[in-house]
Amino acid sequence: MQQNKSQQLKNQNTLGVSMTQSAPKPVSQPTQLPRDSTPKYGFNDYVERLNGRAAMIGFVAAVVIEAITGKGVLTWLGF
């Protein structure tokens, strides 16, 4: 039993992985290319839609605050 245990320790490298195991199989390359060809930067539909939604939220917030306080946006800015 003791000799068997010492033999196992000799067959392990510093990471504890057995040296008697075979190497892993190589990873195969993908056979299909992604279909998404839209750019993720610059002027595209998604960015423009997001910008429009942010502008609408800002405009509605400005109108609501103006209605509540009775002062316009230029007053907020100090003009």
PDB file of N, CA and C in Angstrom:
ATOM      1  N   MET A   1       0.833  -1.201   0.000  1.00  0.00           N
ATOM      2  CA  MET A   1       0.000   0.000   0.000  1.00  0.00           C
ATOM      3  C   MET A   1       0.872   1.257   0.000  1.00  0.00           C
ATOM      4  N   GLN A   2       1.914   1.284   0.856  1.00  0.00           N
ATOM      5  CA  GLN A   2       2.786   2.452   0.956  1.00  0.00           C
ATOM      6  C   GLN A   2       3.546   2.675  -0.345  1.00  0.00           C
ATOM      7  N   GLN A   3       4.023   1.616  -0.964  1.00  0.00           N
ATOM      8  CA  GLN A   3       4.761   1.744  -2.207  1.00  0.00           C
ATOM      9  C   GLN A   3       3.836   2.220  -3.326  1.00  0.00           C
ATOM     10  N   ASN A   4       2.619   1.742  -3.339  1.00  0.00           N
ATOM     11  CA  ASN A   4       1.643   2.157  -4.346  1.00  0.00           C
ATOM     12  C   ASN A   4       1.344   3.650  -4.213  1.00  0.00           C
ATOM     13  N   LYS A   5       1.225   4.146  -2.980  1.00  0.00           N
ATOM     14  CA  LYS A   5       0.952   5.566  -2.744  1.00  0.00           C
ATOM     15  C   LYS A   5       2.132   6.425  -3.181  1.00  0.00           C
ATOM     16  N   SER A   6       3.359   5.979  -2.884  1.00  0.00           N
ATOM     17  CA  SER A   6       4.523   6.766  -3.287  1.00  0.00           C
ATOM     18  C   SER A   6       4.682   6.757  -4.801  1.00  0.00           C
ATOM     19  N   GLN A   7       4.309   5.674  -5.455  1.00  0.00           N
ATOM     20  CA  GLN A   7       4.360   5.608  -6.922  1.00  0.00           C
ATOM     21  C   GLN A   7       3.365   6.602  -7.522  1.00  0.00           C
ATOM     22  N   GLN A   8       2.184   6.731  -6.907  1.00  0.00           N
ATOM     23  CA  GLN A   8       1.190   7.691  -7.397  1.00  0.00           C
ATOM     24  C   GLN A   8       1.701   9.115  -7.243  1.00  0.00           C
ATOM     25  N   LEU A   9       2.361   9.416  -6.149  1.00  0.00           N
ATOM     26  CA  LEU A   9       2.893  10.761  -5.935  1.00  0.00           C
ATOM     27  C   LEU A   9       3.985  11.093  -6.937  1.00  0.00           C
ATOM     28  N   LYS A  10       4.787  10.111  -7.328  1.00  0.00           N
ATOM     29  CA  LYS A  10       5.824  10.343  -8.322  1.00  0.00           C
ATOM     30  C   LYS A  10       5.237  10.612  -9.701  1.00  0.00           C
ATOM     31  N   ASN A  11       4.057  10.051  -9.984  1.00  0.00           N
ATOM     32  CA  ASN A  11       3.426  10.208 -11.289  1.00  0.00           C
ATOM     33  C   ASN A  11       2.598  11.486 -11.394  1.00  0.00           C
ATOM     34  N   GLN A  12       2.619  12.326 -10.368  1.00  0.00           N
ATOM     35  CA  GLN A  12       1.869  13.578 -10.408  1.00  0.00           C
ATOM     36  C   GLN A  12       2.835  14.749 -10.539  1.00  0.00           C
ATOM     37  N   ASN A  13       2.425  15.757 -11.323  1.00  0.00           N
ATOM     38  CA  ASN A  13       3.251  16.961 -11.416  1.00  0.00           C
ATOM     39  C   ASN A  13       2.894  17.910 -10.279  1.00  0.00           C
ATOM     40  N   THR A  14       3.402  19.124 -10.281  1.00  0.00           N
ATOM     41  CA  THR A  14       3.201  20.058  -9.175  1.00  0.00           C
ATOM     42  C   THR A  14       1.763  20.514  -9.027  1.00  0.00           C
ATOM     43  N   LEU A  15       0.944  20.397 -10.072  1.00  0.00           N
ATOM     44  CA  LEU A  15      -0.455  20.803  -9.987  1.00  0.00           C
ATOM     45  C   LEU A  15      -1.362  19.672  -9.519  1.00  0.00           C
ATOM     46  N   GLY A  16      -0.809  18.493  -9.285  1.00  0.00           N
ATOM     47  CA  GLY A  16      -1.606  17.376  -8.820  1.00  0.00           C
ATOM     48  C   GLY A  16      -2.286  16.612  -9.936  1.00  0.00           C
ATOM     49  N   VAL A  17      -1.906  16.863 -11.175  1.00  0.00           N
ATOM     50  CA  VAL A  17      -2.495  16.181 -12.316  1.00  0.00           C
ATOM     51  C   VAL A  17      -1.640  14.966 -12.636  1.00  0.00           C
ATOM     52  N   SER A  18      -2.289  13.859 -12.865  1.00  0.00           N
ATOM     53  CA  SER A  18      -1.565  12.629 -13.132  1.00  0.00           C
ATOM     54  C   SER A  18      -0.814  12.735 -14.447  1.00  0.00           C
ATOM     55  N   MET A  19       0.435  12.299 -14.443  1.00  0.00           N
ATOM     56  CA  MET A  19       1.269  12.365 -15.636  1.00  0.00           C
ATOM     57  C   MET A  19       0.987  11.196 -16.584  1.00  0.00           C
ATOM     58  N   THR A  20       0.256  10.198 -16.103  1.00  0.00           N
ATOM     59  CA  THR A  20      -0.015   9.033 -16.941  1.00  0.00           C
ATOM     60  C   THR A  20      -1.235   9.231 -17.823  1.00  0.00           C
ATOM     61  N   GLN A  21      -1.976  10.322 -17.623  1.00  0.00           N
ATOM     62  CA  GLN A  21      -3.150  10.589 -18.450  1.00  0.00           C
ATOM     63  C   GLN A  21      -2.712  11.084 -19.821  1.00  0.00           C
ATOM     64  N   SER A  22      -3.559  10.804 -20.816  1.00  0.00           N
ATOM     65  CA  SER A  22      -3.238  11.255 -22.166  1.00  0.00           C
ATOM     66  C   SER A  22      -3.585  12.734 -22.321  1.00  0.00           C
ATOM     67  N   ALA A  23      -3.033  13.365 -23.332  1.00  0.00           N
ATOM     68  CA  ALA A  23      -3.282  14.786 -23.599  1.00  0.00           C
ATOM     69  C   ALA A  23      -4.731  14.984 -24.033  1.00  0.00           C
ATOM     70  N   PRO A  24      -5.310  16.158 -23.748  1.00  0.00           N
ATOM     71  CA  PRO A  24      -6.689  16.396 -24.172  1.00  0.00           C
ATOM     72  C   PRO A  24      -6.802  16.463 -25.688  1.00  0.00           C
ATOM     73  N   LYS A  25      -7.991  16.161 -26.170  1.00  0.00           N
ATOM     74  CA  LYS A  25      -8.223  16.202 -27.615  1.00  0.00           C
ATOM     75  C   LYS A  25      -8.229  17.649 -28.085  1.00  0.00           C
ATOM     76  N   PRO A  26      -7.726  17.928 -29.278  1.00  0.00           N
ATOM     77  CA  PRO A  26      -7.717  19.319 -29.769  1.00  0.00           C
ATOM     78  C   PRO A  26      -9.139  19.823 -30.015  1.00  0.00           C
ATOM     79  N   VAL A  27      -9.312  21.119 -29.863  1.00  0.00           N
ATOM     80  CA  VAL A  27     -10.614  21.758 -30.057  1.00  0.00           C
ATOM     81  C   VAL A  27     -10.821  21.993 -31.544  1.00  0.00           C
ATOM     82  N   SER A  28     -12.006  21.657 -32.023  1.00  0.00           N
ATOM     83  CA  SER A  28     -12.285  21.861 -33.442  1.00  0.00           C
ATOM     84  C   SER A  28     -12.679  23.310 -33.708  1.00  0.00           C
ATOM     85  N   GLN A  29     -12.443  23.757 -34.913  1.00  0.00           N
ATOM     86  CA  GLN A  29     -12.792  25.113 -35.316  1.00  0.00           C
ATOM     87  C   GLN A  29     -14.280  25.182 -35.653  1.00  0.00           C
ATOM     88  N   PRO A  30     -14.927  26.350 -35.441  1.00  0.00           N
ATOM     89  CA  PRO A  30     -16.340  26.473 -35.780  1.00  0.00           C
ATOM     90  C   PRO A  30     -16.561  26.309 -37.285  1.00  0.00           C
ATOM     91  N   THR A  31     -17.710  25.764 -37.627  1.00  0.00           N
ATOM     92  CA  THR A  31     -18.010  25.532 -39.037  1.00  0.00           C
ATOM     93  C   THR A  31     -18.910  26.618 -39.621  1.00  0.00           C
ATOM     94  N   GLN A  32     -19.565  27.441 -38.783  1.00  0.00           N
ATOM     95  CA  GLN A  32     -20.453  28.495 -39.269  1.00  0.00           C
ATOM     96  C   GLN A  32     -19.968  29.846 -38.773  1.00  0.00           C
ATOM     97  N   LEU A  33     -20.170  30.857 -39.592  1.00  0.00           N
ATOM     98  CA  LEU A  33     -19.837  32.221 -39.207  1.00  0.00           C
ATOM     99  C   LEU A  33     -21.062  32.877 -38.589  1.00  0.00           C
ATOM    100  N   PRO A  34     -20.883  33.837 -37.680  1.00  0.00           N
ATOM    101  CA  PRO A  34     -22.028  34.550 -37.116  1.00  0.00           C
ATOM    102  C   PRO A  34     -22.772  35.329 -38.191  1.00  0.00           C
ATOM    103  N   ARG A  35     -24.077  35.425 -38.041  1.00  0.00           N
ATOM    104  CA  ARG A  35     -24.903  36.120 -39.039  1.00  0.00           C
ATOM    105  C   ARG A  35     -25.051  37.608 -38.754  1.00  0.00           C
ATOM    106  N   ASP A  36     -24.697  38.056 -37.577  1.00  0.00           N
ATOM    107  CA  ASP A  36     -24.870  39.452 -37.205  1.00  0.00           C
ATOM    108  C   ASP A  36     -23.832  40.309 -37.912  1.00  0.00           C
ATOM    109  N   SER A  37     -24.274  41.116 -38.867  1.00  0.00           N
ATOM    110  CA  SER A  37     -23.349  41.961 -39.614  1.00  0.00           C
ATOM    111  C   SER A  37     -23.542  43.443 -39.306  1.00  0.00           C
ATOM    112  N   THR A  38     -24.409  43.772 -38.335  1.00  0.00           N
ATOM    113  CA  THR A  38     -24.636  45.180 -38.010  1.00  0.00           C
ATOM    114  C   THR A  38     -23.482  45.705 -37.171  1.00  0.00           C
ATOM    115  N   PRO A  39     -23.053  46.928 -37.431  1.00  0.00           N
ATOM    116  CA  PRO A  39     -21.959  47.483 -36.640  1.00  0.00           C
ATOM    117  C   PRO A  39     -22.414  47.800 -35.221  1.00  0.00           C
ATOM    118  N   LYS A  40     -21.522  47.724 -34.274  1.00  0.00           N
ATOM    119  CA  LYS A  40     -21.837  48.015 -32.881  1.00  0.00           C
ATOM    120  C   LYS A  40     -21.394  49.423 -32.481  1.00  0.00           C
ATOM    121  N   TYR A  41     -21.015  50.227 -33.439  1.00  0.00           N
ATOM    122  CA  TYR A  41     -20.542  51.572 -33.149  1.00  0.00           C
ATOM    123  C   TYR A  41     -21.001  52.500 -34.284  1.00  0.00           C
ATOM    124  N   GLY A  42     -20.889  53.800 -34.061  1.00  0.00           N
ATOM    125  CA  GLY A  42     -21.257  54.763 -35.101  1.00  0.00           C
ATOM    126  C   GLY A  42     -22.761  54.948 -35.195  1.00  0.00           C
ATOM    127  N   PHE A  43     -23.204  55.425 -36.331  1.00  0.00           N
ATOM    128  CA  PHE A  43     -24.619  55.689 -36.554  1.00  0.00           C
ATOM    129  C   PHE A  43     -25.299  54.412 -37.028  1.00  0.00           C
ATOM    130  N   ASN A  44     -26.019  53.767 -36.138  1.00  0.00           N
ATOM    131  CA  ASN A  44     -26.815  52.621 -36.533  1.00  0.00           C
ATOM    132  C   ASN A  44     -28.187  52.730 -35.868  1.00  0.00           C
ATOM    133  N   ASP A  45     -29.092  51.863 -36.224  1.00  0.00           N
ATOM    134  CA  ASP A  45     -30.476  51.970 -35.750  1.00  0.00           C
ATOM    135  C   ASP A  45     -30.583  51.887 -34.234  1.00  0.00           C
ATOM    136  N   TYR A  46     -29.841  50.963 -33.629  1.00  0.00           N
ATOM    137  CA  TYR A  46     -29.949  50.792 -32.178  1.00  0.00           C
ATOM    138  C   TYR A  46     -29.506  52.053 -31.437  1.00  0.00           C
ATOM    139  N   VAL A  47     -28.385  52.623 -31.822  1.00  0.00           N
ATOM    140  CA  VAL A  47     -27.865  53.813 -31.138  1.00  0.00           C
ATOM    141  C   VAL A  47     -28.807  54.996 -31.336  1.00  0.00           C
ATOM    142  N   GLU A  48     -29.325  55.151 -32.526  1.00  0.00           N
ATOM    143  CA  GLU A  48     -30.241  56.263 -32.787  1.00  0.00           C
ATOM    144  C   GLU A  48     -31.538  56.106 -32.003  1.00  0.00           C
ATOM    145  N   ARG A  49     -32.027  54.891 -31.900  1.00  0.00           N
ATOM    146  CA  ARG A  49     -33.256  54.631 -31.144  1.00  0.00           C
ATOM    147  C   ARG A  49     -33.015  54.916 -29.662  1.00  0.00           C
ATOM    148  N   LEU A  50     -31.887  54.492 -29.132  1.00  0.00           N
ATOM    149  CA  LEU A  50     -31.553  54.735 -27.736  1.00  0.00           C
ATOM    150  C   LEU A  50     -31.393  56.228 -27.459  1.00  0.00           C
ATOM    151  N   ASN A  51     -30.750  56.944 -28.359  1.00  0.00           N
ATOM    152  CA  ASN A  51     -30.576  58.387 -28.217  1.00  0.00           C
ATOM    153  C   ASN A  51     -31.930  59.100 -28.243  1.00  0.00           C
ATOM    154  N   GLY A  52     -32.814  58.676 -29.119  1.00  0.00           N
ATOM    155  CA  GLY A  52     -34.141  59.277 -29.193  1.00  0.00           C
ATOM    156  C   GLY A  52     -34.943  59.051 -27.926  1.00  0.00           C
ATOM    157  N   ARG A  53     -34.845  57.855 -27.384  1.00  0.00           N
ATOM    158  CA  ARG A  53     -35.574  57.564 -26.146  1.00  0.00           C
ATOM    159  C   ARG A  53     -35.035  58.396 -24.981  1.00  0.00           C
ATOM    160  N   ALA A  54     -33.717  58.545 -24.904  1.00  0.00           N
ATOM    161  CA  ALA A  54     -33.123  59.361 -23.838  1.00  0.00           C
ATOM    162  C   ALA A  54     -33.545  60.820 -23.986  1.00  0.00           C
ATOM    163  N   ALA A  55     -33.614  61.313 -25.212  1.00  0.00           N
ATOM    164  CA  ALA A  55     -34.041  62.698 -25.445  1.00  0.00           C
ATOM    165  C   ALA A  55     -35.505  62.891 -25.046  1.00  0.00           C
ATOM    166  N   MET A  56     -36.353  61.900 -25.354  1.00  0.00           N
ATOM    167  CA  MET A  56     -37.767  62.012 -24.968  1.00  0.00           C
ATOM    168  C   MET A  56     -37.924  62.026 -23.457  1.00  0.00           C
ATOM    169  N   ILE A  57     -37.164  61.187 -22.757  1.00  0.00           N
ATOM    170  CA  ILE A  57     -37.246  61.166 -21.291  1.00  0.00           C
ATOM    171  C   ILE A  57     -36.775  62.497 -20.721  1.00  0.00           C
ATOM    172  N   GLY A  58     -35.688  63.048 -21.256  1.00  0.00           N
ATOM    173  CA  GLY A  58     -35.194  64.335 -20.792  1.00  0.00           C
ATOM    174  C   GLY A  58     -36.170  65.473 -21.054  1.00  0.00           C
ATOM    175  N   PHE A  59     -36.796  65.459 -22.216  1.00  0.00           N
ATOM    176  CA  PHE A  59     -37.763  66.505 -22.550  1.00  0.00           C
ATOM    177  C   PHE A  59     -38.981  66.439 -21.633  1.00  0.00           C
ATOM    178  N   VAL A  60     -39.498  65.247 -21.411  1.00  0.00           N
ATOM    179  CA  VAL A  60     -40.664  65.087 -20.524  1.00  0.00           C
ATOM    180  C   VAL A  60     -40.298  65.496 -19.102  1.00  0.00           C
ATOM    181  N   ALA A  61     -39.099  65.126 -18.639  1.00  0.00           N
ATOM    182  CA  ALA A  61     -38.673  65.513 -17.292  1.00  0.00           C
ATOM    183  C   ALA A  61     -38.576  67.036 -17.175  1.00  0.00           C
ATOM    184  N   ALA A  62     -38.056  67.702 -18.192  1.00  0.00           N
ATOM    185  CA  ALA A  62     -37.951  69.165 -18.158  1.00  0.00           C
ATOM    186  C   ALA A  62     -39.329  69.811 -18.121  1.00  0.00           C
ATOM    187  N   VAL A  63     -40.267  69.287 -18.899  1.00  0.00           N
ATOM    188  CA  VAL A  63     -41.626  69.844 -18.912  1.00  0.00           C
ATOM    189  C   VAL A  63     -42.302  69.631 -17.562  1.00  0.00           C
ATOM    190  N   VAL A  64     -42.124  68.458 -16.974  1.00  0.00           N
ATOM    191  CA  VAL A  64     -42.751  68.181 -15.674  1.00  0.00           C
ATOM    192  C   VAL A  64     -42.162  69.081 -14.593  1.00  0.00           C
ATOM    193  N   ILE A  65     -40.852  69.239 -14.568  1.00  0.00           N
ATOM    194  CA  ILE A  65     -40.232  70.100 -13.555  1.00  0.00           C
ATOM    195  C   ILE A  65     -40.642  71.551 -13.756  1.00  0.00           C
ATOM    196  N   GLU A  66     -40.742  71.963 -15.007  1.00  0.00           N
ATOM    197  CA  GLU A  66     -41.196  73.348 -15.283  1.00  0.00           C
ATOM    198  C   GLU A  66     -42.628  73.547 -14.812  1.00  0.00           C
ATOM    199  N   ALA A  67     -43.476  72.540 -15.016  1.00  0.00           N
ATOM    200  CA  ALA A  67     -44.870  72.652 -14.575  1.00  0.00           C
ATOM    201  C   ALA A  67     -44.966  72.678 -13.054  1.00  0.00           C
ATOM    202  N   ILE A  68     -44.122  71.926 -12.373  1.00  0.00           N
ATOM    203  CA  ILE A  68     -44.173  71.871 -10.914  1.00  0.00           C
ATOM    204  C   ILE A  68     -43.599  73.136 -10.294  1.00  0.00           C
ATOM    205  N   THR A  69     -42.444  73.608 -10.791  1.00  0.00           N
ATOM    206  CA  THR A  69     -41.776  74.758 -10.168  1.00  0.00           C
ATOM    207  C   THR A  69     -42.265  76.097 -10.711  1.00  0.00           C
ATOM    208  N   GLY A  70     -42.790  76.120 -11.917  1.00  0.00           N
ATOM    209  CA  GLY A  70     -43.231  77.369 -12.509  1.00  0.00           C
ATOM    210  C   GLY A  70     -42.084  78.180 -13.118  1.00  0.00           C
ATOM    211  N   LYS A  71     -40.908  77.605 -13.188  1.00  0.00           N
ATOM    212  CA  LYS A  71     -39.748  78.282 -13.766  1.00  0.00           C
ATOM    213  C   LYS A  71     -39.241  77.465 -14.943  1.00  0.00           C
ATOM    214  N   GLY A  72     -38.742  78.155 -15.971  1.00  0.00           N
ATOM    215  CA  GLY A  72     -38.273  77.497 -17.181  1.00  0.00           C
ATOM    216  C   GLY A  72     -36.845  76.966 -17.075  1.00  0.00           C
ATOM    217  N   VAL A  73     -36.438  76.282 -18.117  1.00  0.00           N
ATOM    218  CA  VAL A  73     -35.095  75.679 -18.157  1.00  0.00           C
ATOM    219  C   VAL A  73     -34.016  76.750 -18.108  1.00  0.00           C
ATOM    220  N   LEU A  74     -34.233  77.862 -18.790  1.00  0.00           N
ATOM    221  CA  LEU A  74     -33.230  78.941 -18.786  1.00  0.00           C
ATOM    222  C   LEU A  74     -33.060  79.531 -17.416  1.00  0.00           C
ATOM    223  N   THR A  75     -34.100  79.541 -16.601  1.00  0.00           N
ATOM    224  CA  THR A  75     -33.983  80.027 -15.219  1.00  0.00           C
ATOM    225  C   THR A  75     -33.105  79.074 -14.417  1.00  0.00           C
ATOM    226  N   TRP A  76     -33.241  77.791 -14.661  1.00  0.00           N
ATOM    227  CA  TRP A  76     -32.398  76.818 -13.965  1.00  0.00           C
ATOM    228  C   TRP A  76     -30.928  77.062 -14.281  1.00  0.00           C
ATOM    229  N   LEU A  77     -30.660  77.438 -15.531  1.00  0.00           N
ATOM    230  CA  LEU A  77     -29.298  77.644 -15.971  1.00  0.00           C
ATOM    231  C   LEU A  77     -28.733  79.009 -15.573  1.00  0.00           C
ATOM    232  N   GLY A  78     -29.578  79.888 -15.036  1.00  0.00           N
ATOM    233  CA  GLY A  78     -29.115  81.189 -14.557  1.00  0.00           C
ATOM    234  C   GLY A  78     -29.225  82.316 -15.556  1.00  0.00           C
ATOM    235  N   PHE A  79     -30.013  82.167 -16.591  1.00  0.00           N
ATOM    236  CA  PHE A  79     -30.185  83.237 -17.574  1.00  0.00           C
ATOM    237  C   PHE A  79     -31.403  84.055 -17.274  1.00  0.00           C
TER     238      PHE A  79
END
